[in-house]
PDB file of N, CA and C in Angstrom:
ATOM      1  N   MET A   1     102.437  77.065  99.911  1.00  0.00           N
ATOM      2  CA  MET A   1     101.996  78.369 100.382  1.00  0.00           C
ATOM      3  C   MET A   1     101.511  79.241  99.222  1.00  0.00           C
ATOM      4  N   ALA A   2     102.228  79.229  98.098  1.00  0.00           N
ATOM      5  CA  ALA A   2     101.835  80.056  96.956  1.00  0.00           C
ATOM      6  C   ALA A   2     100.456  79.659  96.440  1.00  0.00           C
ATOM      7  N   ALA A   3     100.150  78.361  96.461  1.00  0.00           N
ATOM      8  CA  ALA A   3      98.835  77.895  96.005  1.00  0.00           C
ATOM      9  C   ALA A   3      97.739  78.436  96.916  1.00  0.00           C
ATOM     10  N   TYR A   4      98.000  78.473  98.211  1.00  0.00           N
ATOM     11  CA  TYR A   4      97.036  78.999  99.173  1.00  0.00           C
ATOM     12  C   TYR A   4      96.781  80.480  98.900  1.00  0.00           C
ATOM     13  N   ILE A   5      97.836  81.243  98.650  1.00  0.00           N
ATOM     14  CA  ILE A   5      97.698  82.675  98.374  1.00  0.00           C
ATOM     15  C   ILE A   5      96.888  82.896  97.102  1.00  0.00           C
ATOM     16  N   LYS A   6      97.176  82.123  96.071  1.00  0.00           N
ATOM     17  CA  LYS A   6      96.423  82.244  94.821  1.00  0.00           C
ATOM     18  C   LYS A   6      94.948  81.914  95.044  1.00  0.00           C
ATOM     19  N   GLN A   7      94.682  80.902  95.842  1.00  0.00           N
ATOM     20  CA  GLN A   7      93.312  80.499  96.128  1.00  0.00           C
ATOM     21  C   GLN A   7      92.576  81.604  96.892  1.00  0.00           C
ATOM     22  N   GLU A   8      93.232  82.177  97.878  1.00  0.00           N
ATOM     23  CA  GLU A   8      92.610  83.255  98.657  1.00  0.00           C
ATOM     24  C   GLU A   8      92.390  84.501  97.797  1.00  0.00           C
ATOM     25  N   LEU A   9      93.355  84.803  96.931  1.00  0.00           N
ATOM     26  CA  LEU A   9      93.208  85.939  96.025  1.00  0.00           C
ATOM     27  C   LEU A   9      92.031  85.716  95.080  1.00  0.00           C
ATOM     28  N   ALA A  10      91.903  84.509  94.560  1.00  0.00           N
ATOM     29  CA  ALA A  10      90.787  84.187  93.663  1.00  0.00           C
ATOM     30  C   ALA A  10      89.452  84.351  94.381  1.00  0.00           C
ATOM     31  N   LYS A  11      89.380  83.933  95.646  1.00  0.00           N
ATOM     32  CA  LYS A  11      88.149  84.096  96.430  1.00  0.00           C
ATOM     33  C   LYS A  11      87.827  85.572  96.624  1.00  0.00           C
ATOM     34  N   ALA A  12      88.847  86.359  96.943  1.00  0.00           N
ATOM     35  CA  ALA A  12      88.629  87.793  97.169  1.00  0.00           C
ATOM     36  C   ALA A  12      88.154  88.477  95.894  1.00  0.00           C
ATOM     37  N   ILE A  13      88.761  88.131  94.781  1.00  0.00           N
ATOM     38  CA  ILE A  13      88.372  88.731  93.497  1.00  0.00           C
ATOM     39  C   ILE A  13      86.938  88.338  93.140  1.00  0.00           C
ATOM     40  N   ALA A  14      86.586  87.077  93.381  1.00  0.00           N
ATOM     41  CA  ALA A  14      85.245  86.601  93.050  1.00  0.00           C
ATOM     42  C   ALA A  14      84.169  87.299  93.873  1.00  0.00           C
ATOM     43  N   SER A  15      84.541  87.785  95.043  1.00  0.00           N
ATOM     44  CA  SER A  15      83.546  88.412  95.914  1.00  0.00           C
ATOM     45  C   SER A  15      83.445  89.933  95.727  1.00  0.00           C
ATOM     46  N   LEU A  16      84.156  90.477  94.741  1.00  0.00           N
ATOM     47  CA  LEU A  16      84.092  91.922  94.516  1.00  0.00           C
ATOM     48  C   LEU A  16      82.698  92.344  94.080  1.00  0.00           C
ATOM     49  N   THR A  17      82.240  93.447  94.622  1.00  0.00           N
ATOM     50  CA  THR A  17      80.961  94.040  94.220  1.00  0.00           C
ATOM     51  C   THR A  17      81.254  95.108  93.171  1.00  0.00           C
ATOM     52  N   PRO A  18      80.227  95.616  92.484  1.00  0.00           N
ATOM     53  CA  PRO A  18      80.463  96.709  91.524  1.00  0.00           C
ATOM     54  C   PRO A  18      81.142  97.923  92.167  1.00  0.00           C
ATOM     55  N   ASP A  19      80.812  98.217  93.429  1.00  0.00           N
ATOM     56  CA  ASP A  19      81.471  99.331  94.116  1.00  0.00           C
ATOM     57  C   ASP A  19      82.957  99.048  94.322  1.00  0.00           C
ATOM     58  N   ASP A  20      83.277  97.796  94.667  1.00  0.00           N
ATOM     59  CA  ASP A  20      84.675  97.411  94.842  1.00  0.00           C
ATOM     60  C   ASP A  20      85.426  97.551  93.524  1.00  0.00           C
ATOM     61  N   LEU A  21      84.788  97.138  92.446  1.00  0.00           N
ATOM     62  CA  LEU A  21      85.419  97.226  91.133  1.00  0.00           C
ATOM     63  C   LEU A  21      85.689  98.681  90.771  1.00  0.00           C
ATOM     64  N   SER A  22      84.762  99.551  91.101  1.00  0.00           N
ATOM     65  CA  SER A  22      84.957 100.983  90.868  1.00  0.00           C
ATOM     66  C   SER A  22      86.165 101.480  91.654  1.00  0.00           C
ATOM     67  N   THR A  23      86.318 100.994  92.857  1.00  0.00           N
ATOM     68  CA  THR A  23      87.467 101.366  93.689  1.00  0.00           C
ATOM     69  C   THR A  23      88.762 100.874  93.062  1.00  0.00           C
ATOM     70  N   VAL A  24      88.757  99.651  92.551  1.00  0.00           N
ATOM     71  CA  VAL A  24      89.956  99.105  91.894  1.00  0.00           C
ATOM     72  C   VAL A  24      90.302  99.956  90.676  1.00  0.00           C
ATOM     73  N   GLN A  25      89.298 100.359  89.903  1.00  0.00           N
ATOM     74  CA  GLN A  25      89.530 101.195  88.726  1.00  0.00           C
ATOM     75  C   GLN A  25      90.096 102.559  89.133  1.00  0.00           C
ATOM     76  N   THR A  26      89.578 103.123  90.199  1.00  0.00           N
ATOM     77  CA  THR A  26      90.074 104.411  90.689  1.00  0.00           C
ATOM     78  C   THR A  26      91.511 104.285  91.178  1.00  0.00           C
ATOM     79  N   LEU A  27      91.796 103.240  91.943  1.00  0.00           N
ATOM     80  CA  LEU A  27      93.153 103.031  92.444  1.00  0.00           C
ATOM     81  C   LEU A  27      94.140 102.790  91.297  1.00  0.00           C
ATOM     82  N   THR A  28      93.674 102.119  90.256  1.00  0.00           N
ATOM     83  CA  THR A  28      94.520 101.897  89.076  1.00  0.00           C
ATOM     84  C   THR A  28      94.851 103.232  88.420  1.00  0.00           C
ATOM     85  N   ALA A  29      93.865 104.099  88.275  1.00  0.00           N
ATOM     86  CA  ALA A  29      94.100 105.426  87.690  1.00  0.00           C
ATOM     87  C   ALA A  29      95.074 106.227  88.547  1.00  0.00           C
ATOM     88  N   VAL A  30      94.948 106.128  89.857  1.00  0.00           N
ATOM     89  CA  VAL A  30      95.866 106.836  90.759  1.00  0.00           C
ATOM     90  C   VAL A  30      97.294 106.329  90.561  1.00  0.00           C
ATOM     91  N   GLN A  31      97.461 105.023  90.459  1.00  0.00           N
ATOM     92  CA  GLN A  31      98.799 104.454  90.288  1.00  0.00           C
ATOM     93  C   GLN A  31      99.407 104.848  88.936  1.00  0.00           C
ATOM     94  N   ILE A  32      98.589 104.851  87.887  1.00  0.00           N
ATOM     95  CA  ILE A  32      99.072 105.265  86.568  1.00  0.00           C
ATOM     96  C   ILE A  32      99.530 106.726  86.624  1.00  0.00           C
ATOM     97  N   GLY A  33      98.765 107.561  87.313  1.00  0.00           N
ATOM     98  CA  GLY A  33      99.154 108.959  87.491  1.00  0.00           C
ATOM     99  C   GLY A  33     100.439 109.092  88.297  1.00  0.00           C
ATOM    100  N   ARG A  34     100.559 108.292  89.360  1.00  0.00           N
ATOM    101  CA  ARG A  34     101.772 108.320  90.185  1.00  0.00           C
ATOM    102  C   ARG A  34     103.002 107.976  89.352  1.00  0.00           C
ATOM    103  N   LEU A  35     102.830 107.025  88.455  1.00  0.00           N
ATOM    104  CA  LEU A  35     103.940 106.602  87.611  1.00  0.00           C
ATOM    105  C   LEU A  35     104.223 107.588  86.480  1.00  0.00           C
ATOM    106  N   GLY A  36     103.268 108.483  86.230  1.00  0.00           N
ATOM    107  CA  GLY A  36     103.444 109.463  85.162  1.00  0.00           C
ATOM    108  C   GLY A  36     103.283 108.867  83.774  1.00  0.00           C
ATOM    109  N   TRP A  37     102.557 107.774  83.675  1.00  0.00           N
ATOM    110  CA  TRP A  37     102.368 107.119  82.389  1.00  0.00           C
ATOM    111  C   TRP A  37     101.344 107.866  81.549  1.00  0.00           C
ATOM    112  N   GLU A  38     101.678 108.059  80.299  1.00  0.00           N
ATOM    113  CA  GLU A  38     100.734 108.595  79.319  1.00  0.00           C
ATOM    114  C   GLU A  38      99.857 107.437  78.831  1.00  0.00           C
ATOM    115  N   ALA A  39      98.777 107.767  78.135  1.00  0.00           N
ATOM    116  CA  ALA A  39      97.836 106.754  77.648  1.00  0.00           C
ATOM    117  C   ALA A  39      98.536 105.716  76.776  1.00  0.00           C
ATOM    118  N   GLU A  40      99.450 106.161  75.938  1.00  0.00           N
ATOM    119  CA  GLU A  40     100.134 105.234  75.030  1.00  0.00           C
ATOM    120  C   GLU A  40     100.955 104.205  75.805  1.00  0.00           C
ATOM    121  N   LYS A  41     101.654 104.642  76.838  1.00  0.00           N
ATOM    122  CA  LYS A  41     102.455 103.709  77.636  1.00  0.00           C
ATOM    123  C   LYS A  41     101.548 102.708  78.345  1.00  0.00           C
ATOM    124  N   THR A  42     100.432 103.187  78.870  1.00  0.00           N
ATOM    125  CA  THR A  42      99.486 102.296  79.542  1.00  0.00           C
ATOM    126  C   THR A  42      98.939 101.269  78.556  1.00  0.00           C
ATOM    127  N   GLN A  43      98.555 101.720  77.380  1.00  0.00           N
ATOM    128  CA  GLN A  43      98.039 100.809  76.348  1.00  0.00           C
ATOM    129  C   GLN A  43      99.089  99.769  75.966  1.00  0.00           C
ATOM    130  N   ASN A  44     100.322 100.204  75.792  1.00  0.00           N
ATOM    131  CA  ASN A  44     101.392  99.275  75.431  1.00  0.00           C
ATOM    132  C   ASN A  44     101.619  98.239  76.532  1.00  0.00           C
ATOM    133  N   MET A  45     101.578  98.672  77.783  1.00  0.00           N
ATOM    134  CA  MET A  45     101.780  97.760  78.899  1.00  0.00           C
ATOM    135  C   MET A  45     100.627  96.751  78.986  1.00  0.00           C
ATOM    136  N   LEU A  46      99.399  97.235  78.799  1.00  0.00           N
ATOM    137  CA  LEU A  46      98.247  96.331  78.817  1.00  0.00           C
ATOM    138  C   LEU A  46      98.349  95.302  77.698  1.00  0.00           C
ATOM    139  N   PHE A  47      98.773  95.742  76.528  1.00  0.00           N
ATOM    140  CA  PHE A  47      98.899  94.817  75.407  1.00  0.00           C
ATOM    141  C   PHE A  47     100.017  93.811  75.662  1.00  0.00           C
ATOM    142  N   GLN A  48     101.129  94.288  76.200  1.00  0.00           N
ATOM    143  CA  GLN A  48     102.271  93.421  76.483  1.00  0.00           C
ATOM    144  C   GLN A  48     101.911  92.362  77.528  1.00  0.00           C
ATOM    145  N   ARG A  49     101.202  92.762  78.574  1.00  0.00           N
ATOM    146  CA  ARG A  49     100.906  91.855  79.680  1.00  0.00           C
ATOM    147  C   ARG A  49      99.668  90.990  79.441  1.00  0.00           C
ATOM    148  N   TYR A  50      98.639  91.548  78.782  1.00  0.00           N
ATOM    149  CA  TYR A  50      97.353  90.854  78.681  1.00  0.00           C
ATOM    150  C   TYR A  50      96.824  90.701  77.260  1.00  0.00           C
ATOM    151  N   GLY A  51      97.507  91.306  76.285  1.00  0.00           N
ATOM    152  CA  GLY A  51      97.036  91.222  74.908  1.00  0.00           C
ATOM    153  C   GLY A  51      95.793  92.067  74.664  1.00  0.00           C
ATOM    154  N   LYS A  52      95.604  93.091  75.512  1.00  0.00           N
ATOM    155  CA  LYS A  52      94.431  93.961  75.411  1.00  0.00           C
ATOM    156  C   LYS A  52      94.895  95.411  75.409  1.00  0.00           C
ATOM    157  N   ARG A  53      94.109  96.288  74.776  1.00  0.00           N
ATOM    158  CA  ARG A  53      94.523  97.683  74.605  1.00  0.00           C
ATOM    159  C   ARG A  53      93.948  98.648  75.642  1.00  0.00           C
ATOM    160  N   SER A  54      92.926  98.232  76.385  1.00  0.00           N
ATOM    161  CA  SER A  54      92.350  99.159  77.365  1.00  0.00           C
ATOM    162  C   SER A  54      91.951  98.409  78.630  1.00  0.00           C
ATOM    163  N   GLN A  55      91.844  99.162  79.706  1.00  0.00           N
ATOM    164  CA  GLN A  55      91.447  98.570  80.976  1.00  0.00           C
ATOM    165  C   GLN A  55      90.042  98.002  80.902  1.00  0.00           C
ATOM    166  N   SER A  56      89.181  98.596  80.096  1.00  0.00           N
ATOM    167  CA  SER A  56      87.800  98.123  79.995  1.00  0.00           C
ATOM    168  C   SER A  56      87.721  96.721  79.398  1.00  0.00           C
ATOM    169  N   GLU A  57      88.767  96.281  78.702  1.00  0.00           N
ATOM    170  CA  GLU A  57      88.797  94.939  78.125  1.00  0.00           C
ATOM    171  C   GLU A  57      89.280  93.886  79.122  1.00  0.00           C
ATOM    172  N   LEU A  58      89.852  94.329  80.258  1.00  0.00           N
ATOM    173  CA  LEU A  58      90.391  93.392  81.233  1.00  0.00           C
ATOM    174  C   LEU A  58      89.282  92.704  82.018  1.00  0.00           C
ATOM    175  N   SER A  59      89.517  91.447  82.360  1.00  0.00           N
ATOM    176  CA  SER A  59      88.614  90.764  83.286  1.00  0.00           C
ATOM    177  C   SER A  59      88.839  91.351  84.677  1.00  0.00           C
ATOM    178  N   VAL A  60      87.972  91.022  85.602  1.00  0.00           N
ATOM    179  CA  VAL A  60      88.118  91.524  86.971  1.00  0.00           C
ATOM    180  C   VAL A  60      89.455  91.082  87.553  1.00  0.00           C
ATOM    181  N   SER A  61      89.814  89.818  87.357  1.00  0.00           N
ATOM    182  CA  SER A  61      91.081  89.336  87.913  1.00  0.00           C
ATOM    183  C   SER A  61      92.270  90.013  87.245  1.00  0.00           C
ATOM    184  N   GLU A  62      92.197  90.244  85.928  1.00  0.00           N
ATOM    185  CA  GLU A  62      93.285  90.942  85.242  1.00  0.00           C
ATOM    186  C   GLU A  62      93.424  92.368  85.744  1.00  0.00           C
ATOM    187  N   LEU A  63      92.295  93.039  85.976  1.00  0.00           N
ATOM    188  CA  LEU A  63      92.335  94.407  86.479  1.00  0.00           C
ATOM    189  C   LEU A  63      92.990  94.444  87.861  1.00  0.00           C
ATOM    190  N   CYS A  64      92.645  93.506  88.714  1.00  0.00           N
ATOM    191  CA  CYS A  64      93.251  93.443  90.049  1.00  0.00           C
ATOM    192  C   CYS A  64      94.748  93.152  89.960  1.00  0.00           C
ATOM    193  N   LEU A  65      95.117  92.246  89.087  1.00  0.00           N
ATOM    194  CA  LEU A  65      96.538  91.937  88.908  1.00  0.00           C
ATOM    195  C   LEU A  65      97.303  93.123  88.328  1.00  0.00           C
ATOM    196  N   PHE A  66      96.658  93.860  87.432  1.00  0.00           N
ATOM    197  CA  PHE A  66      97.296  95.049  86.863  1.00  0.00           C
ATOM    198  C   PHE A  66      97.529  96.092  87.944  1.00  0.00           C
ATOM    199  N   LEU A  67      96.549  96.288  88.820  1.00  0.00           N
ATOM    200  CA  LEU A  67      96.722  97.211  89.943  1.00  0.00           C
ATOM    201  C   LEU A  67      97.865  96.751  90.833  1.00  0.00           C
ATOM    202  N   TRP A  68      97.914  95.479  91.120  1.00  0.00           N
ATOM    203  CA  TRP A  68      98.985  94.918  91.954  1.00  0.00           C
ATOM    204  C   TRP A  68     100.342  95.179  91.296  1.00  0.00           C
ATOM    205  N   TYR A  69     100.414  94.967  89.984  1.00  0.00           N
ATOM    206  CA  TYR A  69     101.645  95.234  89.241  1.00  0.00           C
ATOM    207  C   TYR A  69     102.033  96.705  89.353  1.00  0.00           C
ATOM    208  N   LEU A  70     101.073  97.594  89.123  1.00  0.00           N
ATOM    209  CA  LEU A  70     101.359  99.032  89.167  1.00  0.00           C
ATOM    210  C   LEU A  70     101.855  99.469  90.544  1.00  0.00           C
ATOM    211  N   GLU A  71     101.244  98.934  91.589  1.00  0.00           N
ATOM    212  CA  GLU A  71     101.640  99.307  92.946  1.00  0.00           C
ATOM    213  C   GLU A  71     103.086  98.917  93.236  1.00  0.00           C
ATOM    214  N   GLY A  72     103.597  97.916  92.538  1.00  0.00           N
ATOM    215  CA  GLY A  72     104.965  97.469  92.738  1.00  0.00           C
ATOM    216  C   GLY A  72     106.000  98.228  91.930  1.00  0.00           C
ATOM    217  N   GLN A  73     105.544  99.119  91.063  1.00  0.00           N
ATOM    218  CA  GLN A  73     106.464  99.858  90.200  1.00  0.00           C
ATOM    219  C   GLN A  73     106.907 101.160  90.863  1.00  0.00           C
ATOM    220  N   GLN A  74     108.178 101.498  90.672  1.00  0.00           N
ATOM    221  CA  GLN A  74     108.678 102.792  91.163  1.00  0.00           C
ATOM    222  C   GLN A  74     108.236 103.884  90.198  1.00  0.00           C
ATOM    223  N   SER A  75     107.922 105.044  90.755  1.00  0.00           N
ATOM    224  CA  SER A  75     107.595 106.175  89.891  1.00  0.00           C
ATOM    225  C   SER A  75     108.845 106.631  89.170  1.00  0.00           C
ATOM    226  N   SER A  76     108.678 107.239  88.027  1.00  0.00           N
ATOM    227  CA  SER A  76     109.839 107.672  87.237  1.00  0.00           C
ATOM    228  C   SER A  76     110.685 108.687  87.998  1.00  0.00           C
ATOM    229  N   SER A  77     110.068 109.422  88.909  1.00  0.00           N
ATOM    230  CA  SER A  77     110.840 110.404  89.675  1.00  0.00           C
ATOM    231  C   SER A  77     111.754 109.740  90.702  1.00  0.00           C
ATOM    232  N   LEU A  78     111.477 108.464  91.045  1.00  0.00           N
ATOM    233  CA  LEU A  78     112.307 107.760  92.016  1.00  0.00           C
ATOM    234  C   LEU A  78     113.352 106.876  91.363  1.00  0.00           C
ATOM    235  N   GLN A  79     113.214 106.623  90.075  1.00  0.00           N
ATOM    236  CA  GLN A  79     114.172 105.758  89.403  1.00  0.00           C
ATOM    237  C   GLN A  79     115.533 106.423  89.407  1.00  0.00           C
ATOM    238  N   GLY A  80     116.522 105.625  89.748  1.00  0.00           N
ATOM    239  CA  GLY A  80     117.890 106.142  89.824  1.00  0.00           C
ATOM    240  C   GLY A  80     118.242 106.697  91.185  1.00  0.00           C
ATOM    241  N   VAL A  81     117.262 106.853  92.077  1.00  0.00           N
ATOM    242  CA  VAL A  81     117.524 107.330  93.424  1.00  0.00           C
ATOM    243  C   VAL A  81     117.776 106.115  94.307  1.00  0.00           C
ATOM    244  N   ARG A  82     118.832 106.154  95.063  1.00  0.00           N
ATOM    245  CA  ARG A  82     119.154 105.008  95.945  1.00  0.00           C
ATOM    246  C   ARG A  82     119.260 105.447  97.354  1.00  0.00           C
TER     247      ARG A  82
END
């Protein structure tokens, strides 16, 4: 099942248009803002995960995966709340 999901995700990423990519970039910025991350934290996370310092250096698939990662993170205001 995991292989099927990866295959479908790869197909979806390959079919992104420039407008879709702009949307992914916008959604990534929204998620970074939601998390309250400063530029330095974002740069450190990009370097830790992808070995790159800015979103502009990410491939399309890396950018999509980064957005997916960000969407799964709790905002700092929710951490510690149960």
